[in-house]
């Protein structure tokens, strides 16, 4: 099943659970072994795989144990600014170095204009 916005929450959770089960089995792990590796209870893994609600931290632990953390980055991509905002930022950044101009010669000791 393709996960999209038309699916119900329960359908999405069930599909995620099925996919996690397939990944676990592809890693040749039992639920107990995955639970131990992830640092969660076997019951938590059972709940994940059957599409029931679990704490987000436990989902992340299971993803980490199954080497799926890269998928989290794709699931919630980092927000970048709009192209217009990027253009405004580029304008404020230096584009080139300025030339070194010779400094004016030192006038010597300072004096009031009427004392010269």
N, C-alpha and C. Protein backbone atom coordinates (compact mmCIF):
# COMPACT_ATOMS: atom_id res chain seq x y z
N UNK A 1 0.83 -1.18 0.00
CA UNK A 1 0.00 0.00 0.00
C UNK A 1 0.89 1.25 0.00
N UNK A 2 0.52 2.19 -0.79
CA UNK A 2 1.22 3.48 -0.81
C UNK A 2 0.63 4.35 0.30
N UNK A 3 1.49 4.95 1.08
CA UNK A 3 1.03 5.82 2.15
C UNK A 3 0.85 7.22 1.58
N UNK A 4 -0.37 7.74 1.70
CA UNK A 4 -0.63 9.09 1.24
C UNK A 4 -1.69 9.73 2.13
N UNK A 5 -2.04 10.94 1.83
CA UNK A 5 -2.95 11.70 2.69
C UNK A 5 -4.37 11.17 2.69
N UNK A 6 -4.71 10.34 1.71
CA UNK A 6 -6.05 9.77 1.64
C UNK A 6 -6.26 8.64 2.64
N UNK A 7 -5.17 8.05 3.14
CA UNK A 7 -5.28 6.95 4.09
C UNK A 7 -5.68 7.47 5.47
N UNK A 8 -6.39 6.63 6.20
CA UNK A 8 -6.73 6.98 7.58
C UNK A 8 -5.49 6.82 8.45
N UNK A 9 -5.51 7.42 9.63
CA UNK A 9 -4.39 7.29 10.55
C UNK A 9 -4.12 5.81 10.87
N UNK A 10 -5.18 5.06 11.12
CA UNK A 10 -5.04 3.65 11.46
C UNK A 10 -4.44 2.87 10.30
N UNK A 11 -4.84 3.17 9.08
CA UNK A 11 -4.29 2.48 7.91
C UNK A 11 -2.80 2.78 7.76
N UNK A 12 -2.40 4.02 8.01
CA UNK A 12 -0.99 4.39 7.92
C UNK A 12 -0.18 3.67 9.00
N UNK A 13 -0.69 3.67 10.24
CA UNK A 13 0.02 3.00 11.33
C UNK A 13 0.15 1.50 11.05
N UNK A 14 -0.90 0.90 10.51
CA UNK A 14 -0.86 -0.52 10.18
C UNK A 14 0.18 -0.80 9.10
N UNK A 15 0.22 0.05 8.09
CA UNK A 15 1.20 -0.13 7.00
C UNK A 15 2.63 0.06 7.51
N UNK A 16 2.84 1.06 8.35
CA UNK A 16 4.18 1.27 8.93
C UNK A 16 4.58 0.04 9.74
N UNK A 17 3.66 -0.48 10.51
CA UNK A 17 3.93 -1.68 11.30
C UNK A 17 4.31 -2.86 10.43
N UNK A 18 3.58 -3.06 9.34
CA UNK A 18 3.90 -4.16 8.41
C UNK A 18 5.29 -3.98 7.82
N UNK A 19 5.61 -2.75 7.46
CA UNK A 19 6.93 -2.49 6.87
C UNK A 19 8.04 -2.72 7.89
N UNK A 20 7.81 -2.30 9.13
CA UNK A 20 8.82 -2.54 10.17
C UNK A 20 9.01 -4.04 10.40
N UNK A 21 7.92 -4.79 10.35
CA UNK A 21 8.02 -6.24 10.50
C UNK A 21 8.88 -6.83 9.39
N UNK A 22 8.66 -6.39 8.14
CA UNK A 22 9.45 -6.90 7.01
C UNK A 22 10.93 -6.56 7.18
N UNK A 23 11.22 -5.35 7.61
CA UNK A 23 12.62 -4.95 7.80
C UNK A 23 13.25 -5.79 8.91
N UNK A 24 12.52 -5.97 10.01
CA UNK A 24 13.04 -6.79 11.12
C UNK A 24 13.34 -8.20 10.65
N UNK A 25 12.42 -8.79 9.89
CA UNK A 25 12.63 -10.15 9.39
C UNK A 25 13.78 -10.21 8.39
N UNK A 26 13.93 -9.17 7.57
CA UNK A 26 15.07 -9.12 6.64
C UNK A 26 16.40 -9.03 7.38
N UNK A 27 16.38 -8.45 8.59
CA UNK A 27 17.57 -8.42 9.43
C UNK A 27 17.72 -9.71 10.25
N UNK A 28 16.78 -10.63 10.04
CA UNK A 28 16.77 -11.92 10.73
C UNK A 28 16.76 -11.74 12.25
N UNK A 29 15.90 -10.86 12.73
CA UNK A 29 15.77 -10.59 14.16
C UNK A 29 14.40 -11.02 14.65
N UNK A 30 14.36 -11.55 15.87
CA UNK A 30 13.07 -11.79 16.50
C UNK A 30 12.61 -10.49 17.14
N UNK A 31 11.34 -10.45 17.52
CA UNK A 31 10.84 -9.25 18.21
C UNK A 31 11.63 -9.01 19.50
N UNK A 32 11.95 -10.08 20.19
CA UNK A 32 12.70 -9.97 21.44
C UNK A 32 14.10 -9.42 21.20
N UNK A 33 14.77 -9.88 20.14
CA UNK A 33 16.12 -9.39 19.83
C UNK A 33 16.08 -7.91 19.44
N UNK A 34 15.09 -7.53 18.63
CA UNK A 34 14.96 -6.12 18.26
C UNK A 34 14.68 -5.26 19.50
N UNK A 35 13.81 -5.76 20.36
CA UNK A 35 13.49 -5.01 21.58
C UNK A 35 14.74 -4.79 22.44
N UNK A 36 15.54 -5.84 22.58
CA UNK A 36 16.76 -5.72 23.37
C UNK A 36 17.73 -4.73 22.74
N UNK A 37 17.90 -4.80 21.42
CA UNK A 37 18.81 -3.90 20.71
C UNK A 37 18.32 -2.45 20.79
N UNK A 38 17.01 -2.27 20.69
CA UNK A 38 16.43 -0.92 20.70
C UNK A 38 16.30 -0.36 22.12
N UNK A 39 16.38 -1.23 23.11
CA UNK A 39 16.23 -0.76 24.49
C UNK A 39 14.78 -0.51 24.87
N UNK A 40 13.88 -1.28 24.27
CA UNK A 40 12.46 -1.16 24.59
C UNK A 40 11.94 -2.56 24.95
N UNK A 41 10.68 -2.62 25.36
CA UNK A 41 10.11 -3.92 25.70
C UNK A 41 9.64 -4.64 24.44
N UNK A 42 9.51 -5.96 24.56
CA UNK A 42 8.99 -6.75 23.44
C UNK A 42 7.56 -6.31 23.13
N UNK A 43 6.82 -5.96 24.14
CA UNK A 43 5.44 -5.49 23.95
C UNK A 43 5.41 -4.23 23.09
N UNK A 44 6.39 -3.34 23.26
CA UNK A 44 6.47 -2.13 22.43
C UNK A 44 6.67 -2.49 20.97
N UNK A 45 7.53 -3.45 20.70
CA UNK A 45 7.75 -3.90 19.32
C UNK A 45 6.47 -4.52 18.76
N UNK A 46 5.78 -5.29 19.57
CA UNK A 46 4.51 -5.87 19.14
C UNK A 46 3.52 -4.77 18.78
N UNK A 47 3.44 -3.75 19.61
CA UNK A 47 2.52 -2.64 19.36
C UNK A 47 2.90 -1.90 18.08
N UNK A 48 4.20 -1.65 17.89
CA UNK A 48 4.66 -0.99 16.66
C UNK A 48 4.24 -1.79 15.43
N UNK A 49 4.50 -3.08 15.46
CA UNK A 49 4.27 -3.91 14.29
C UNK A 49 2.80 -4.15 13.99
N UNK A 50 1.94 -3.96 14.98
CA UNK A 50 0.50 -4.13 14.74
C UNK A 50 -0.18 -2.79 14.51
N UNK A 51 0.60 -1.71 14.45
CA UNK A 51 0.05 -0.41 14.11
C UNK A 51 -0.63 0.30 15.26
N UNK A 52 -0.30 -0.09 16.47
CA UNK A 52 -0.90 0.59 17.62
C UNK A 52 0.02 1.71 18.08
N UNK A 53 -0.54 2.59 18.84
CA UNK A 53 0.17 3.79 19.28
C UNK A 53 1.32 3.45 20.23
N UNK A 54 2.46 4.09 19.99
CA UNK A 54 3.63 3.99 20.88
C UNK A 54 4.23 5.38 21.00
N UNK A 55 5.09 5.55 21.96
CA UNK A 55 5.78 6.83 22.09
C UNK A 55 6.73 7.02 20.92
N UNK A 56 6.85 8.27 20.49
CA UNK A 56 7.72 8.59 19.37
C UNK A 56 9.17 8.19 19.65
N UNK A 57 9.62 8.35 20.88
CA UNK A 57 10.99 7.97 21.24
C UNK A 57 11.23 6.47 20.99
N UNK A 58 10.21 5.66 21.24
CA UNK A 58 10.35 4.22 21.01
C UNK A 58 10.41 3.89 19.53
N UNK A 59 9.67 4.63 18.72
CA UNK A 59 9.76 4.45 17.27
C UNK A 59 11.17 4.79 16.78
N UNK A 60 11.72 5.88 17.29
CA UNK A 60 13.08 6.28 16.90
C UNK A 60 14.09 5.22 17.33
N UNK A 61 13.93 4.66 18.51
CA UNK A 61 14.83 3.60 18.98
C UNK A 61 14.76 2.38 18.06
N UNK A 62 13.56 2.03 17.65
CA UNK A 62 13.41 0.89 16.74
C UNK A 62 14.04 1.20 15.38
N UNK A 63 13.83 2.42 14.87
CA UNK A 63 14.45 2.83 13.62
C UNK A 63 15.97 2.75 13.74
N UNK A 64 16.52 3.23 14.85
CA UNK A 64 17.97 3.20 15.04
C UNK A 64 18.49 1.76 15.06
N UNK A 65 17.78 0.88 15.76
CA UNK A 65 18.20 -0.52 15.86
C UNK A 65 18.15 -1.22 14.50
N UNK A 66 17.26 -0.76 13.62
CA UNK A 66 17.13 -1.36 12.29
C UNK A 66 17.90 -0.58 11.22
N UNK A 67 18.73 0.38 11.63
CA UNK A 67 19.51 1.22 10.72
C UNK A 67 18.62 1.98 9.74
N UNK A 68 17.54 2.53 10.24
CA UNK A 68 16.59 3.27 9.40
C UNK A 68 16.55 4.76 9.73
N UNK A 69 17.51 5.26 10.48
CA UNK A 69 17.45 6.67 10.90
C UNK A 69 17.54 7.62 9.71
N UNK A 70 18.20 7.23 8.62
CA UNK A 70 18.24 8.08 7.44
C UNK A 70 16.83 8.32 6.88
N UNK A 71 15.97 7.34 7.07
CA UNK A 71 14.59 7.48 6.59
C UNK A 71 13.84 8.56 7.37
N UNK A 72 14.20 8.78 8.61
CA UNK A 72 13.56 9.84 9.40
C UNK A 72 13.85 11.20 8.78
N UNK A 73 15.05 11.38 8.27
CA UNK A 73 15.40 12.64 7.64
C UNK A 73 14.57 12.88 6.38
N UNK A 74 14.29 11.83 5.65
CA UNK A 74 13.44 11.95 4.46
C UNK A 74 11.98 12.12 4.84
N UNK A 75 11.59 11.53 5.96
CA UNK A 75 10.20 11.60 6.38
C UNK A 75 9.81 13.02 6.78
N UNK A 76 10.70 13.70 7.47
CA UNK A 76 10.46 15.09 7.86
C UNK A 76 11.67 15.89 7.41
N UNK A 77 11.66 16.36 6.16
CA UNK A 77 12.83 17.06 5.62
C UNK A 77 13.08 18.39 6.33
N UNK A 78 14.34 18.76 6.32
CA UNK A 78 14.73 20.03 6.91
C UNK A 78 14.15 21.17 6.07
N UNK A 79 13.60 22.15 6.76
CA UNK A 79 12.97 23.28 6.06
C UNK A 79 14.05 24.25 5.60
N UNK A 80 13.99 24.59 4.33
CA UNK A 80 14.91 25.60 3.79
C UNK A 80 14.09 26.82 3.45
N UNK A 81 14.74 27.95 3.39
CA UNK A 81 14.05 29.18 3.07
C UNK A 81 13.55 29.20 1.64
N UNK A 82 12.68 30.14 1.37
CA UNK A 82 12.17 30.28 0.01
C UNK A 82 13.29 30.79 -0.91
N UNK A 83 13.17 30.60 -2.20
CA UNK A 83 14.20 31.08 -3.12
C UNK A 83 14.43 32.59 -2.98
N UNK A 84 13.36 33.34 -2.73
CA UNK A 84 13.50 34.79 -2.57
C UNK A 84 14.29 35.13 -1.32
N UNK A 85 14.05 34.40 -0.24
CA UNK A 85 14.80 34.63 1.00
C UNK A 85 16.27 34.30 0.81
N UNK A 86 16.56 33.22 0.07
CA UNK A 86 17.95 32.86 -0.21
C UNK A 86 18.64 33.96 -1.01
N UNK A 87 17.93 34.53 -1.97
CA UNK A 87 18.49 35.59 -2.80
C UNK A 87 18.82 36.81 -1.95
N UNK A 88 17.94 37.16 -1.03
CA UNK A 88 18.20 38.30 -0.13
C UNK A 88 19.42 38.05 0.73
N UNK A 89 19.59 36.82 1.20
CA UNK A 89 20.76 36.48 2.01
C UNK A 89 22.04 36.58 1.20
N UNK A 90 21.98 36.15 -0.05
CA UNK A 90 23.17 36.21 -0.90
C UNK A 90 23.61 37.64 -1.12
N UNK A 91 22.67 38.58 -1.22
CA UNK A 91 23.04 39.97 -1.45
C UNK A 91 23.83 40.54 -0.29
N UNK A 92 23.56 40.05 0.93
CA UNK A 92 24.26 40.60 2.08
C UNK A 92 25.64 39.96 2.27
N UNK A 93 25.90 38.85 1.60
CA UNK A 93 27.21 38.21 1.72
C UNK A 93 28.19 38.90 0.77
N UNK A 94 29.45 38.97 1.22
CA UNK A 94 30.49 39.56 0.36
C UNK A 94 30.71 38.68 -0.84
N UNK A 95 30.85 39.30 -1.98
CA UNK A 95 31.05 38.57 -3.23
C UNK A 95 32.51 38.59 -3.67
N UNK A 96 33.26 39.63 -3.26
CA UNK A 96 34.67 39.72 -3.65
C UNK A 96 35.42 40.55 -2.62
N UNK A 97 36.71 40.43 -2.67
CA UNK A 97 37.58 41.20 -1.77
C UNK A 97 37.79 42.59 -2.32
N UNK A 98 37.94 43.56 -1.44
CA UNK A 98 38.20 44.91 -1.90
C UNK A 98 39.71 45.08 -2.11
N UNK A 99 40.06 46.04 -2.97
CA UNK A 99 41.48 46.28 -3.23
C UNK A 99 42.09 47.02 -2.05
N UNK A 100 43.37 46.85 -1.90
CA UNK A 100 44.09 47.53 -0.83
C UNK A 100 44.58 48.87 -1.35
N UNK A 101 44.02 49.93 -0.83
CA UNK A 101 44.44 51.26 -1.24
C UNK A 101 45.56 51.72 -0.32
N UNK A 102 46.49 52.48 -0.91
CA UNK A 102 47.58 53.01 -0.10
C UNK A 102 47.01 54.00 0.89
N UNK A 103 47.42 53.91 2.14
CA UNK A 103 46.92 54.84 3.14
C UNK A 103 47.61 56.20 2.95
N UNK A 104 46.89 57.29 3.24
CA UNK A 104 47.49 58.61 3.06
C UNK A 104 48.68 58.77 4.01
N UNK A 105 49.65 59.56 3.60
CA UNK A 105 50.84 59.73 4.45
C UNK A 105 50.44 60.37 5.77
N UNK A 106 51.17 60.00 6.80
CA UNK A 106 50.92 60.54 8.13
C UNK A 106 51.28 62.02 8.15
N UNK A 107 50.38 62.90 8.62
CA UNK A 107 50.66 64.34 8.58
C UNK A 107 51.70 64.79 9.59
N UNK A 108 52.16 63.92 10.42
CA UNK A 108 53.14 64.33 11.43
C UNK A 108 52.42 64.66 12.73
N UNK A 109 53.00 65.59 13.48
CA UNK A 109 52.40 65.97 14.76
C UNK A 109 51.14 66.77 14.52
N UNK A 110 50.17 66.60 15.38
CA UNK A 110 48.90 67.29 15.23
C UNK A 110 49.01 68.68 15.85
N UNK A 111 48.37 69.66 15.20
CA UNK A 111 48.37 71.03 15.73
C UNK A 111 47.11 71.71 15.34
N UNK A 112 46.71 72.75 16.08
CA UNK A 112 45.52 73.53 15.74
C UNK A 112 45.81 74.29 14.46
N UNK A 113 44.78 74.53 13.67
CA UNK A 113 44.95 75.22 12.40
C UNK A 113 45.53 76.62 12.59
N UNK A 114 45.15 77.35 13.65
CA UNK A 114 45.65 78.71 13.83
C UNK A 114 47.07 78.74 14.36
N UNK A 115 47.62 77.60 14.79
CA UNK A 115 48.98 77.54 15.31
C UNK A 115 49.99 77.23 14.21
N UNK A 116 49.51 76.93 12.99
CA UNK A 116 50.44 76.56 11.92
C UNK A 116 51.14 77.73 11.37
